[in-house]
Amino acid sequence: MVKGRQGERVRLYVRGTILGYKRSKSNQYPNTSLIQIEGVNTKEEVGWYAGKRMAYIYKAKVKKNGSHYRCIWGKVSRPHGNSGVVRAKFKSNLPPKSMRVKVAYKKDLVAIGVTELSSFFCDSEDTGLPCDFDRSTCNGKNELCFGRGPGYPDEFESTRIIGERQFKKAVELFDKASEQLKGKVDYRHAYLNFSSLEVSLPKVGGGQEVVKTCPAAMGFSFAAGTTDGPGAFDFNQGDDKGNAFWRAVRNLIKTPSQEQWIYAHV
């Protein structure tokens, strides 16, 4: 571990498991991260870390809490978070012979159905009540509605729980596998203009119908943001009409054509 005074900006070489990170919600530091590191061997000299292939590298301000280091305002430069927990646990769970096999971990596959949020709550009001389900609002305001992880209010604990669930599912799928795939991972790439594609769809009652895509339309609800980071003003999720003020603002920029209006509401 690179030595330094508390709060000194250092380059940090880590041998351990990244439990998680969370974005600062401070208006003053909107693009910074708070990172917790577990399992760091603090007895090794700097030269030992410099000579190893690092799994995680950070540049951050450091505070020491017992045997743990906490990085303040550090930028993450390698994989971290839920997936970092899963990879570390999955790799350590494999038997010695299997360690020679390269395992591809697809987080989107194992995350389905096992990493649900506890729910969305009106945090700023501290009422303990969930947000309005259809609009993701609290008393009509979307700025007060935030998603909570399973370890709320500890975001690091939420990361650990979600990673643990993904890890268990990954092990389950790995143990059920009956065929070992060998060879390189290949891919295909193509550029498509999705704003003017003709697609054939089945019609209700039989037959086919040819429809055409249109340029992306970002409606009023798009400005509402998400429960990870709500938008500003009075935009709500699921709103396809807006209000007189925002419709006037939209029309000043460009009035949508009849074709755009039809396709945007299909």
Protein backbone atom coordinates (compact mmCIF):
# COMPACT_ATOMS: atom_id res chain seq x y z
CA MET A 1 0.00 0.00 0.00
CA VAL A 2 1.35 3.41 -0.88
CA LYS A 3 1.98 5.28 2.34
CA GLY A 4 0.78 8.83 2.83
CA ARG A 5 -0.73 11.27 5.27
CA GLN A 6 -4.47 11.10 5.88
CA GLY A 7 -6.19 12.84 2.99
CA GLU A 8 -3.08 12.86 0.79
CA ARG A 9 -3.71 12.13 -2.89
CA VAL A 10 -1.91 8.89 -3.73
CA ARG A 11 -1.92 6.09 -6.30
CA LEU A 12 -3.43 3.06 -4.64
CA TYR A 13 -2.56 -0.53 -5.59
CA VAL A 14 -5.06 -2.96 -4.10
CA ARG A 15 -4.95 -6.69 -3.45
CA GLY A 16 -8.43 -7.43 -2.24
CA THR A 17 -12.13 -7.39 -3.06
CA ILE A 18 -13.97 -4.23 -3.97
CA LEU A 19 -17.23 -4.31 -2.04
CA GLY A 20 -18.73 -1.44 -3.94
CA TYR A 21 -18.90 2.24 -4.59
CA LYS A 22 -21.51 4.98 -4.58
CA ARG A 23 -21.73 8.28 -6.38
CA SER A 24 -21.56 11.37 -4.24
CA LYS A 25 -24.96 13.08 -4.03
CA SER A 26 -23.33 16.39 -3.18
CA ASN A 27 -24.05 19.22 -5.60
CA GLN A 28 -20.48 20.37 -5.06
CA TYR A 29 -18.94 17.04 -6.11
CA PRO A 30 -21.45 15.44 -8.54
CA ASN A 31 -18.88 13.31 -10.42
CA THR A 32 -16.98 11.77 -7.52
CA SER A 33 -17.13 8.33 -5.94
CA LEU A 34 -16.86 6.86 -2.45
CA ILE A 35 -15.13 3.48 -2.50
CA GLN A 36 -14.75 0.83 0.20
CA ILE A 37 -12.03 -1.82 -0.08
CA GLU A 38 -12.00 -5.15 1.79
CA GLY A 39 -9.23 -7.67 2.30
CA VAL A 40 -6.29 -5.37 1.64
CA ASN A 41 -2.94 -6.64 2.92
CA THR A 42 -1.46 -3.53 4.53
CA LYS A 43 1.83 -5.22 5.50
CA GLU A 44 3.20 -5.55 1.96
CA GLU A 45 5.71 -3.02 0.74
CA VAL A 46 4.97 -0.75 -2.21
CA GLY A 47 7.41 -2.69 -4.41
CA TRP A 48 5.39 -5.89 -3.98
CA TYR A 49 2.27 -4.28 -5.40
CA ALA A 50 4.17 -2.55 -8.19
CA GLY A 51 5.50 -5.91 -9.38
CA LYS A 52 2.11 -7.63 -9.54
CA ARG A 53 -0.70 -7.54 -12.05
CA MET A 54 -3.36 -5.50 -10.30
CA ALA A 55 -7.05 -6.34 -10.45
CA TYR A 56 -8.08 -2.91 -9.25
CA ILE A 57 -6.27 0.42 -9.46
CA TYR A 58 -7.51 3.68 -7.99
CA LYS A 59 -6.25 7.19 -7.67
CA ALA A 60 -7.82 8.68 -4.60
CA LYS A 61 -7.59 10.34 -1.24
CA VAL A 62 -7.21 7.72 1.45
CA LYS A 63 -8.41 7.29 5.02
CA LYS A 64 -7.57 4.27 7.15
CA ASN A 65 -10.21 2.65 9.37
CA GLY A 66 -8.65 -0.27 11.23
CA SER A 67 -7.47 -2.77 8.61
CA HIS A 68 -9.63 -1.19 5.91
CA TYR A 69 -8.85 1.72 3.65
CA ARG A 70 -11.54 4.11 2.50
CA CYS A 71 -10.92 6.19 -0.60
CA ILE A 72 -12.55 9.60 -0.69
CA TRP A 73 -13.24 11.35 -4.02
CA GLY A 74 -11.42 8.65 -5.97
CA LYS A 75 -12.04 7.83 -9.63
CA VAL A 76 -12.52 4.15 -10.46
CA SER A 77 -10.28 2.94 -13.27
CA ARG A 78 -11.04 -0.79 -13.26
CA PRO A 79 -14.09 -3.09 -12.75
CA HIS A 80 -15.80 -2.71 -9.40
CA GLY A 81 -19.16 -2.88 -7.65
CA ASN A 82 -21.59 -5.81 -7.86
CA SER A 83 -19.68 -7.53 -10.66
CA GLY A 84 -16.41 -7.19 -8.75
CA VAL A 85 -17.92 -9.05 -5.80
CA VAL A 86 -19.28 -11.79 -8.06
CA ARG A 87 -16.02 -12.33 -9.95
CA ALA A 88 -13.98 -12.50 -6.75
CA LYS A 89 -16.37 -14.94 -5.05
CA PHE A 90 -16.90 -17.08 -8.15
CA LYS A 91 -13.18 -17.40 -8.85
CA SER A 92 -12.36 -18.33 -5.25
CA ASN A 93 -15.18 -20.92 -5.23
CA LEU A 94 -13.83 -22.92 -8.19
CA PRO A 95 -11.82 -26.09 -7.46
CA PRO A 96 -8.07 -25.93 -8.25
CA LYS A 97 -8.29 -27.75 -11.60
CA SER A 98 -11.09 -25.53 -12.79
CA MET A 99 -8.95 -22.49 -12.11
CA ARG A 100 -7.12 -23.27 -15.34
CA VAL A 101 -10.31 -22.81 -17.33
CA LYS A 102 -11.20 -19.28 -18.39
CA VAL A 103 -14.76 -18.59 -17.28
CA ALA A 104 -16.77 -15.88 -19.01
CA TYR A 105 -19.14 -14.19 -16.58
CA LYS A 106 -22.10 -12.39 -18.13
CA LYS A 107 -23.58 -10.25 -15.39
CA ASP A 108 -26.78 -9.39 -17.27
CA LEU A 109 -27.69 -13.08 -17.47
CA VAL A 110 -27.39 -13.93 -13.79
CA ALA A 111 -28.76 -10.61 -12.58
CA ILE A 112 -32.28 -11.29 -13.84
CA GLY A 113 -34.68 -11.88 -10.98
CA VAL A 114 -32.08 -12.10 -8.22
CA THR A 115 -30.96 -8.53 -7.58
CA GLU A 116 -34.25 -6.70 -7.09
CA LEU A 117 -34.35 -3.42 -5.23
CA SER A 118 -36.27 -3.32 -1.98
CA SER A 119 -38.53 -0.67 -3.53
CA PHE A 120 -38.76 3.06 -4.20
CA PHE A 121 -39.37 5.31 -1.21
CA CYS A 122 -39.90 8.97 -0.40
CA ASP A 123 -36.51 9.44 1.25
CA SER A 124 -36.48 13.21 1.58
CA GLU A 125 -39.80 13.22 3.44
CA ASP A 126 -38.66 10.39 5.72
CA THR A 127 -42.21 9.03 5.84
CA GLY A 128 -41.22 5.45 5.16
CA LEU A 129 -43.93 5.32 2.49
CA PRO A 130 -43.29 4.04 -1.04
CA CYS A 131 -43.43 6.37 -4.03
CA ASP A 132 -46.49 6.56 -6.26
CA PHE A 133 -46.16 3.43 -8.40
CA ASP A 134 -47.31 4.86 -11.75
CA ARG A 135 -45.47 8.20 -11.60
CA SER A 136 -42.53 7.51 -9.24
CA THR A 137 -43.39 10.66 -7.28
CA CYS A 138 -43.90 11.77 -3.68
CA ASN A 139 -46.77 14.26 -3.35
CA GLY A 140 -46.43 14.88 -7.09
CA LYS A 141 -42.66 15.58 -6.98
CA ASN A 142 -40.23 13.18 -8.63
CA GLU A 143 -37.17 14.72 -6.90
CA LEU A 144 -38.12 13.01 -3.62
CA CYS A 145 -38.40 9.44 -4.93
CA PHE A 146 -35.30 7.24 -4.65
CA GLY A 147 -34.65 3.53 -5.08
CA ARG A 148 -33.34 1.54 -2.12
CA GLY A 149 -31.07 -1.45 -2.21
CA PRO A 150 -31.61 -4.57 -0.07
CA GLY A 151 -29.06 -3.33 2.49
CA TYR A 152 -30.52 0.17 2.88
CA PRO A 153 -29.29 2.54 4.27
CA ASP A 154 -25.80 1.04 3.76
CA GLU A 155 -25.05 1.13 0.02
CA PHE A 156 -21.93 -1.00 0.48
CA GLU A 157 -24.06 -3.67 2.15
CA SER A 158 -26.53 -3.48 -0.76
CA THR A 159 -23.64 -4.07 -3.16
CA ARG A 160 -22.49 -7.08 -1.14
CA ILE A 161 -26.00 -8.59 -1.01
CA ILE A 162 -26.62 -8.09 -4.74
CA GLY A 163 -23.19 -9.52 -5.57
CA GLU A 164 -23.87 -12.51 -3.31
CA ARG A 165 -27.14 -13.23 -5.11
CA GLN A 166 -25.46 -13.01 -8.50
CA PHE A 167 -22.65 -15.25 -7.26
CA LYS A 168 -25.06 -17.97 -6.11
CA LYS A 169 -26.88 -17.94 -9.43
CA ALA A 170 -23.57 -18.00 -11.34
CA VAL A 171 -22.43 -21.07 -9.38
CA GLU A 172 -25.80 -22.75 -9.95
CA LEU A 173 -25.59 -22.22 -13.71
CA PHE A 174 -21.93 -23.30 -13.77
CA ASP A 175 -22.70 -26.55 -11.92
CA LYS A 176 -25.60 -27.34 -14.28
CA ALA A 177 -23.50 -26.85 -17.43
CA SER A 178 -23.11 -30.09 -19.41
CA GLU A 179 -20.99 -28.85 -22.32
CA GLN A 180 -17.69 -26.98 -22.22
CA LEU A 181 -17.30 -24.40 -24.96
CA LYS A 182 -13.83 -23.91 -26.41
CA GLY A 183 -12.38 -21.31 -28.71
CA LYS A 184 -12.29 -17.57 -29.01
CA VAL A 185 -15.22 -15.27 -28.37
CA ASP A 186 -16.27 -13.77 -31.70
CA TYR A 187 -18.65 -10.96 -32.56
CA ARG A 188 -20.26 -9.16 -35.49
CA HIS A 189 -20.78 -5.43 -35.80
CA ALA A 190 -22.87 -3.37 -38.21
CA TYR A 191 -24.12 0.20 -38.41
CA LEU A 192 -27.88 0.50 -38.96
CA ASN A 193 -30.03 3.57 -39.32
CA PHE A 194 -32.89 2.69 -36.99
CA SER A 195 -34.79 5.86 -37.86
CA SER A 196 -36.12 4.49 -41.17
CA LEU A 197 -36.34 0.70 -41.06
CA GLU A 198 -39.31 -1.23 -42.41
CA VAL A 199 -40.37 -4.12 -40.18
CA SER A 200 -42.98 -6.79 -40.88
CA LEU A 201 -45.23 -7.56 -37.91
CA PRO A 202 -48.10 -10.04 -37.47
CA LYS A 203 -51.54 -8.41 -37.51
CA VAL A 204 -54.30 -9.15 -35.05
CA GLY A 205 -56.57 -11.66 -36.76
CA GLY A 206 -53.88 -12.92 -39.13
CA GLY A 207 -51.69 -11.63 -41.90
CA GLN A 208 -48.70 -9.28 -41.83
CA GLU A 209 -48.34 -5.53 -41.51
CA VAL A 210 -45.33 -3.49 -42.62
CA VAL A 211 -44.47 -0.66 -40.25
CA LYS A 212 -41.65 1.85 -40.30
CA THR A 213 -39.44 3.10 -37.50
CA CYS A 214 -38.95 6.81 -36.92
CA PRO A 215 -36.28 9.04 -35.36
CA ALA A 216 -36.08 8.74 -31.58
CA ALA A 217 -38.53 10.95 -29.74
CA MET A 218 -37.67 11.92 -26.18
CA GLY A 219 -41.00 12.72 -24.57
CA PHE A 220 -41.89 14.59 -21.41
CA SER A 221 -41.36 11.55 -19.17
CA PHE A 222 -37.78 11.20 -20.46
CA ALA A 223 -36.86 14.35 -18.53
CA ALA A 224 -38.14 12.82 -15.29
CA GLY A 225 -34.89 10.91 -14.85
CA THR A 226 -34.79 7.70 -12.83
CA THR A 227 -35.01 6.66 -9.20
CA ASP A 228 -31.19 6.54 -9.23
CA GLY A 229 -31.12 10.21 -10.13
CA PRO A 230 -34.43 12.05 -10.53
CA GLY A 231 -34.70 14.87 -13.05
CA ALA A 232 -35.53 18.48 -12.30
CA PHE A 233 -38.71 20.56 -12.59
CA ASP A 234 -42.13 18.91 -12.62
CA PHE A 235 -41.65 16.06 -15.12
CA ASN A 236 -43.12 12.68 -14.17
CA GLN A 237 -42.64 9.12 -15.32
CA GLY A 238 -45.32 7.90 -17.73
CA ASP A 239 -46.41 11.40 -18.79
CA ASP A 240 -47.10 11.58 -22.54
CA LYS A 241 -48.96 14.91 -22.53
CA GLY A 242 -46.91 17.39 -20.49
CA ASN A 243 -48.47 20.73 -19.61
CA ALA A 244 -49.16 23.98 -21.44
CA PHE A 245 -45.81 25.53 -20.49
CA TRP A 246 -43.60 22.65 -21.64
CA ARG A 247 -45.65 22.11 -24.79
CA ALA A 248 -45.04 25.78 -25.64
CA VAL A 249 -41.30 25.36 -25.01
CA ARG A 250 -41.27 22.29 -27.25
CA ASN A 251 -43.12 24.07 -30.04
CA LEU A 252 -40.69 27.00 -29.90
CA ILE A 253 -37.87 24.56 -30.64
CA LYS A 254 -39.73 22.56 -33.31
CA THR A 255 -43.35 21.57 -33.68
CA PRO A 256 -43.62 17.79 -34.26
CA SER A 257 -45.13 16.71 -37.56
CA GLN A 258 -48.28 14.60 -37.72
CA GLU A 259 -46.20 11.56 -38.69
CA GLN A 260 -43.87 12.06 -35.72
CA TRP A 261 -46.84 12.45 -33.40
CA ILE A 262 -48.44 9.21 -34.62
CA TYR A 263 -45.25 7.14 -34.40
CA ALA A 264 -44.32 8.53 -30.98
CA HIS A 265 -47.64 7.33 -29.55
CA VAL A 266 -47.82 3.91 -31.16
